[in-house]
């Protein structure tokens, strides 16, 4: 079981809240947008979704 992370780059403002809140460092900012660089480390806690004010993130169980 794992997690699929989708970042809607059109909605992402690049404020870095998801980067800061993620306990397993799944995200980093690249060219001013969040990118899931360690998707396999995702715990599915959805902390990133809670802090994303633009609803740019989706975390789905796969």
PDB file of N, CA and C in Angstrom:
ATOM      1  N   UNK A   1       0.834  -1.175   0.000  1.00  0.00           N
ATOM      2  CA  UNK A   1       0.000   0.000   0.000  1.00  0.00           C
ATOM      3  C   UNK A   1       0.884   1.244   0.000  1.00  0.00           C
ATOM      4  N   UNK A   2       0.461   2.235  -0.777  1.00  0.00           N
ATOM      5  CA  UNK A   2       1.215   3.479  -0.859  1.00  0.00           C
ATOM      6  C   UNK A   2       0.282   4.636  -1.132  1.00  0.00           C
ATOM      7  N   UNK A   3       0.879   5.770  -1.471  1.00  0.00           N
ATOM      8  CA  UNK A   3       0.125   6.996  -1.679  1.00  0.00           C
ATOM      9  C   UNK A   3       0.560   7.670  -2.952  1.00  0.00           C
ATOM     10  N   UNK A   4      -0.414   8.164  -3.717  1.00  0.00           N
ATOM     11  CA  UNK A   4      -0.145   8.911  -4.946  1.00  0.00           C
ATOM     12  C   UNK A   4      -0.428  10.377  -4.648  1.00  0.00           C
ATOM     13  N   UNK A   5       0.557  11.202  -4.878  1.00  0.00           N
ATOM     14  CA  UNK A   5       0.449  12.635  -4.606  1.00  0.00           C
ATOM     15  C   UNK A   5       0.379  13.380  -5.928  1.00  0.00           C
ATOM     16  N   UNK A   6      -0.618  14.258  -6.009  1.00  0.00           N
ATOM     17  CA  UNK A   6      -0.761  15.093  -7.189  1.00  0.00           C
ATOM     18  C   UNK A   6      -0.696  16.550  -6.753  1.00  0.00           C
ATOM     19  N   UNK A   7       0.137  17.323  -7.424  1.00  0.00           N
ATOM     20  CA  UNK A   7       0.239  18.761  -7.172  1.00  0.00           C
ATOM     21  C   UNK A   7      -0.308  19.483  -8.399  1.00  0.00           C
ATOM     22  N   UNK A   8      -1.367  20.256  -8.205  1.00  0.00           N
ATOM     23  CA  UNK A   8      -1.926  21.080  -9.279  1.00  0.00           C
ATOM     24  C   UNK A   8      -1.083  22.348  -9.356  1.00  0.00           C
ATOM     25  N   UNK A   9      -0.161  22.385 -10.319  1.00  0.00           N
ATOM     26  CA  UNK A   9       0.781  23.501 -10.408  1.00  0.00           C
ATOM     27  C   UNK A   9       0.087  24.822 -10.741  1.00  0.00           C
ATOM     28  N   UNK A  10      -1.093  24.757 -11.333  1.00  0.00           N
ATOM     29  CA  UNK A  10      -1.834  25.979 -11.628  1.00  0.00           C
ATOM     30  C   UNK A  10      -2.381  26.613 -10.350  1.00  0.00           C
ATOM     31  N   UNK A  11      -2.667  25.786  -9.339  1.00  0.00           N
ATOM     32  CA  UNK A  11      -3.184  26.287  -8.069  1.00  0.00           C
ATOM     33  C   UNK A  11      -2.081  26.572  -7.055  1.00  0.00           C
ATOM     34  N   UNK A  12      -0.958  25.898  -7.170  1.00  0.00           N
ATOM     35  CA  UNK A  12       0.127  26.028  -6.197  1.00  0.00           C
ATOM     36  C   UNK A  12       0.732  27.428  -6.232  1.00  0.00           C
ATOM     37  N   UNK A  13       0.792  28.067  -5.048  1.00  0.00           N
ATOM     38  CA  UNK A  13       1.376  29.404  -4.948  1.00  0.00           C
ATOM     39  C   UNK A  13       2.842  29.357  -4.528  1.00  0.00           C
ATOM     40  N   UNK A  14       3.323  28.177  -4.140  1.00  0.00           N
ATOM     41  CA  UNK A  14       4.719  28.041  -3.754  1.00  0.00           C
ATOM     42  C   UNK A  14       5.053  28.649  -2.408  1.00  0.00           C
ATOM     43  N   UNK A  15       4.068  28.708  -1.498  1.00  0.00           N
ATOM     44  CA  UNK A  15       4.322  29.301  -0.185  1.00  0.00           C
ATOM     45  C   UNK A  15       5.147  28.388   0.721  1.00  0.00           C
ATOM     46  N   UNK A  16       5.258  27.114   0.364  1.00  0.00           N
ATOM     47  CA  UNK A  16       6.128  26.191   1.092  1.00  0.00           C
ATOM     48  C   UNK A  16       5.539  25.602   2.365  1.00  0.00           C
ATOM     49  N   UNK A  17       4.265  25.847   2.630  1.00  0.00           N
ATOM     50  CA  UNK A  17       3.645  25.302   3.841  1.00  0.00           C
ATOM     51  C   UNK A  17       3.687  23.772   3.843  1.00  0.00           C
ATOM     52  N   UNK A  18       3.447  23.149   2.705  1.00  0.00           N
ATOM     53  CA  UNK A  18       3.474  21.679   2.624  1.00  0.00           C
ATOM     54  C   UNK A  18       4.880  21.151   2.900  1.00  0.00           C
ATOM     55  N   UNK A  19       5.878  21.873   2.414  1.00  0.00           N
ATOM     56  CA  UNK A  19       7.274  21.492   2.645  1.00  0.00           C
ATOM     57  C   UNK A  19       7.577  21.520   4.143  1.00  0.00           C
ATOM     58  N   UNK A  20       7.121  22.583   4.799  1.00  0.00           N
ATOM     59  CA  UNK A  20       7.407  22.767   6.223  1.00  0.00           C
ATOM     60  C   UNK A  20       6.678  21.774   7.118  1.00  0.00           C
ATOM     61  N   UNK A  21       5.444  21.416   6.766  1.00  0.00           N
ATOM     62  CA  UNK A  21       4.622  20.591   7.658  1.00  0.00           C
ATOM     63  C   UNK A  21       4.846  19.087   7.468  1.00  0.00           C
ATOM     64  N   UNK A  22       5.340  18.671   6.332  1.00  0.00           N
ATOM     65  CA  UNK A  22       5.479  17.233   6.047  1.00  0.00           C
ATOM     66  C   UNK A  22       6.512  16.574   6.972  1.00  0.00           C
ATOM     67  N   UNK A  23       6.093  15.556   7.726  1.00  0.00           N
ATOM     68  CA  UNK A  23       7.015  14.911   8.664  1.00  0.00           C
ATOM     69  C   UNK A  23       8.077  14.040   7.998  1.00  0.00           C
ATOM     70  N   UNK A  24       7.882  13.681   6.734  1.00  0.00           N
ATOM     71  CA  UNK A  24       8.845  12.797   6.064  1.00  0.00           C
ATOM     72  C   UNK A  24       9.533  13.456   4.871  1.00  0.00           C
ATOM     73  N   UNK A  25       9.434  14.781   4.770  1.00  0.00           N
ATOM     74  CA  UNK A  25      10.116  15.544   3.725  1.00  0.00           C
ATOM     75  C   UNK A  25       9.795  15.056   2.312  1.00  0.00           C
ATOM     76  N   UNK A  26       8.506  14.858   2.054  1.00  0.00           N
ATOM     77  CA  UNK A  26       8.058  14.416   0.736  1.00  0.00           C
ATOM     78  C   UNK A  26       8.234  15.522  -0.305  1.00  0.00           C
ATOM     79  N   UNK A  27       8.018  16.778   0.106  1.00  0.00           N
ATOM     80  CA  UNK A  27       7.993  17.895  -0.845  1.00  0.00           C
ATOM     81  C   UNK A  27       9.249  18.743  -0.793  1.00  0.00           C
ATOM     82  N   UNK A  28       9.511  19.389  -1.936  1.00  0.00           N
ATOM     83  CA  UNK A  28      10.465  20.489  -1.970  1.00  0.00           C
ATOM     84  C   UNK A  28       9.958  21.470  -3.015  1.00  0.00           C
ATOM     85  N   UNK A  29      10.418  22.694  -2.907  1.00  0.00           N
ATOM     86  CA  UNK A  29      10.038  23.711  -3.888  1.00  0.00           C
ATOM     87  C   UNK A  29      11.024  23.697  -5.041  1.00  0.00           C
ATOM     88  N   UNK A  30      10.483  23.672  -6.252  1.00  0.00           N
ATOM     89  CA  UNK A  30      11.289  23.728  -7.465  1.00  0.00           C
ATOM     90  C   UNK A  30      10.631  24.739  -8.396  1.00  0.00           C
ATOM     91  N   UNK A  31      11.372  25.726  -8.820  1.00  0.00           N
ATOM     92  CA  UNK A  31      10.849  26.783  -9.688  1.00  0.00           C
ATOM     93  C   UNK A  31       9.591  27.422  -9.107  1.00  0.00           C
ATOM     94  N   UNK A  32       9.559  27.578  -7.780  1.00  0.00           N
ATOM     95  CA  UNK A  32       8.457  28.250  -7.122  1.00  0.00           C
ATOM     96  C   UNK A  32       7.193  27.434  -6.956  1.00  0.00           C
ATOM     97  N   UNK A  33       7.279  26.129  -7.149  1.00  0.00           N
ATOM     98  CA  UNK A  33       6.123  25.244  -7.002  1.00  0.00           C
ATOM     99  C   UNK A  33       6.513  24.025  -6.168  1.00  0.00           C
ATOM    100  N   UNK A  34       5.546  23.464  -5.451  1.00  0.00           N
ATOM    101  CA  UNK A  34       5.789  22.252  -4.674  1.00  0.00           C
ATOM    102  C   UNK A  34       5.899  21.054  -5.607  1.00  0.00           C
ATOM    103  N   UNK A  35       6.850  20.189  -5.302  1.00  0.00           N
ATOM    104  CA  UNK A  35       7.053  18.957  -6.072  1.00  0.00           C
ATOM    105  C   UNK A  35       7.218  17.820  -5.069  1.00  0.00           C
ATOM    106  N   UNK A  36       6.518  16.702  -5.319  1.00  0.00           N
ATOM    107  CA  UNK A  36       6.642  15.524  -4.456  1.00  0.00           C
ATOM    108  C   UNK A  36       7.875  14.739  -4.898  1.00  0.00           C
ATOM    109  N   UNK A  37       8.996  14.995  -4.249  1.00  0.00           N
ATOM    110  CA  UNK A  37      10.263  14.377  -4.641  1.00  0.00           C
ATOM    111  C   UNK A  37      10.518  13.049  -3.923  1.00  0.00           C
ATOM    112  N   UNK A  38       9.820  12.816  -2.816  1.00  0.00           N
ATOM    113  CA  UNK A  38       9.969  11.568  -2.057  1.00  0.00           C
ATOM    114  C   UNK A  38       8.603  10.941  -1.802  1.00  0.00           C
ATOM    115  N   UNK A  39       7.837  10.775  -2.860  1.00  0.00           N
ATOM    116  CA  UNK A  39       6.461  10.279  -2.754  1.00  0.00           C
ATOM    117  C   UNK A  39       6.378   8.947  -2.010  1.00  0.00           C
ATOM    118  N   UNK A  40       7.393   8.110  -2.161  1.00  0.00           N
ATOM    119  CA  UNK A  40       7.392   6.793  -1.512  1.00  0.00           C
ATOM    120  C   UNK A  40       7.480   6.899   0.011  1.00  0.00           C
ATOM    121  N   UNK A  41       7.861   8.056   0.523  1.00  0.00           N
ATOM    122  CA  UNK A  41       7.958   8.269   1.972  1.00  0.00           C
ATOM    123  C   UNK A  41       6.639   8.747   2.594  1.00  0.00           C
ATOM    124  N   UNK A  42       5.646   9.050   1.764  1.00  0.00           N
ATOM    125  CA  UNK A  42       4.374   9.602   2.246  1.00  0.00           C
ATOM    126  C   UNK A  42       3.676   8.639   3.206  1.00  0.00           C
ATOM    127  N   UNK A  43       3.218   9.188   4.334  1.00  0.00           N
ATOM    128  CA  UNK A  43       2.505   8.406   5.350  1.00  0.00           C
ATOM    129  C   UNK A  43       0.998   8.489   5.187  1.00  0.00           C
ATOM    130  N   UNK A  44       0.544   9.367   4.301  1.00  0.00           N
ATOM    131  CA  UNK A  44      -0.892   9.552   4.110  1.00  0.00           C
ATOM    132  C   UNK A  44      -1.551  10.332   5.232  1.00  0.00           C
ATOM    133  N   UNK A  45      -0.784  11.109   5.966  1.00  0.00           N
ATOM    134  CA  UNK A  45      -1.322  11.849   7.119  1.00  0.00           C
ATOM    135  C   UNK A  45      -2.163  13.050   6.696  1.00  0.00           C
ATOM    136  N   UNK A  46      -1.975  13.510   5.458  1.00  0.00           N
ATOM    137  CA  UNK A  46      -2.708  14.622   4.869  1.00  0.00           C
ATOM    138  C   UNK A  46      -2.465  15.961   5.560  1.00  0.00           C
ATOM    139  N   UNK A  47      -1.371  16.079   6.304  1.00  0.00           N
ATOM    140  CA  UNK A  47      -1.014  17.369   6.902  1.00  0.00           C
ATOM    141  C   UNK A  47      -0.822  18.427   5.817  1.00  0.00           C
ATOM    142  N   UNK A  48      -0.266  18.014   4.704  1.00  0.00           N
ATOM    143  CA  UNK A  48      -0.025  18.934   3.597  1.00  0.00           C
ATOM    144  C   UNK A  48      -1.331  19.501   3.051  1.00  0.00           C
ATOM    145  N   UNK A  49      -2.340  18.657   2.960  1.00  0.00           N
ATOM    146  CA  UNK A  49      -3.644  19.093   2.461  1.00  0.00           C
ATOM    147  C   UNK A  49      -4.260  20.110   3.415  1.00  0.00           C
ATOM    148  N   UNK A  50      -4.114  19.873   4.700  1.00  0.00           N
ATOM    149  CA  UNK A  50      -4.685  20.763   5.709  1.00  0.00           C
ATOM    150  C   UNK A  50      -4.088  22.171   5.655  1.00  0.00           C
ATOM    151  N   UNK A  51      -2.811  22.296   5.319  1.00  0.00           N
ATOM    152  CA  UNK A  51      -2.174  23.611   5.307  1.00  0.00           C
ATOM    153  C   UNK A  51      -2.201  24.291   3.934  1.00  0.00           C
ATOM    154  N   UNK A  52      -2.593  23.573   2.906  1.00  0.00           N
ATOM    155  CA  UNK A  52      -2.622  24.139   1.556  1.00  0.00           C
ATOM    156  C   UNK A  52      -3.899  24.959   1.373  1.00  0.00           C
ATOM    157  N   UNK A  53      -3.751  26.276   1.361  1.00  0.00           N
ATOM    158  CA  UNK A  53      -4.888  27.175   1.268  1.00  0.00           C
ATOM    159  C   UNK A  53      -5.526  27.210  -0.124  1.00  0.00           C
ATOM    160  N   UNK A  54      -4.812  26.732  -1.139  1.00  0.00           N
ATOM    161  CA  UNK A  54      -5.336  26.775  -2.501  1.00  0.00           C
ATOM    162  C   UNK A  54      -5.854  25.422  -2.991  1.00  0.00           C
ATOM    163  N   UNK A  55      -5.839  24.422  -2.117  1.00  0.00           N
ATOM    164  CA  UNK A  55      -6.310  23.071  -2.479  1.00  0.00           C
ATOM    165  C   UNK A  55      -5.568  22.518  -3.689  1.00  0.00           C
ATOM    166  N   UNK A  56      -4.262  22.723  -3.720  1.00  0.00           N
ATOM    167  CA  UNK A  56      -3.451  22.288  -4.858  1.00  0.00           C
ATOM    168  C   UNK A  56      -2.974  20.847  -4.726  1.00  0.00           C
ATOM    169  N   UNK A  57      -3.193  20.213  -3.555  1.00  0.00           N
ATOM    170  CA  UNK A  57      -2.665  18.873  -3.319  1.00  0.00           C
ATOM    171  C   UNK A  57      -3.762  17.825  -3.213  1.00  0.00           C
ATOM    172  N   UNK A  58      -3.450  16.653  -3.740  1.00  0.00           N
ATOM    173  CA  UNK A  58      -4.315  15.494  -3.601  1.00  0.00           C
ATOM    174  C   UNK A  58      -3.447  14.327  -3.166  1.00  0.00           C
ATOM    175  N   UNK A  59      -3.899  13.598  -2.139  1.00  0.00           N
ATOM    176  CA  UNK A  59      -3.192  12.419  -1.672  1.00  0.00           C
ATOM    177  C   UNK A  59      -4.186  11.260  -1.725  1.00  0.00           C
ATOM    178  N   UNK A  60      -3.882  10.273  -2.590  1.00  0.00           N
ATOM    179  CA  UNK A  60      -4.781   9.148  -2.788  1.00  0.00           C
ATOM    180  C   UNK A  60      -4.077   7.840  -2.459  1.00  0.00           C
ATOM    181  N   UNK A  61      -4.790   6.959  -1.787  1.00  0.00           N
ATOM    182  CA  UNK A  61      -4.253   5.639  -1.475  1.00  0.00           C
ATOM    183  C   UNK A  61      -4.244   4.790  -2.741  1.00  0.00           C
ATOM    184  N   UNK A  62      -3.125   4.100  -2.982  1.00  0.00           N
ATOM    185  CA  UNK A  62      -3.027   3.211  -4.155  1.00  0.00           C
ATOM    186  C   UNK A  62      -2.673   1.809  -3.748  1.00  0.00           C
TER     187      UNK A  62
END
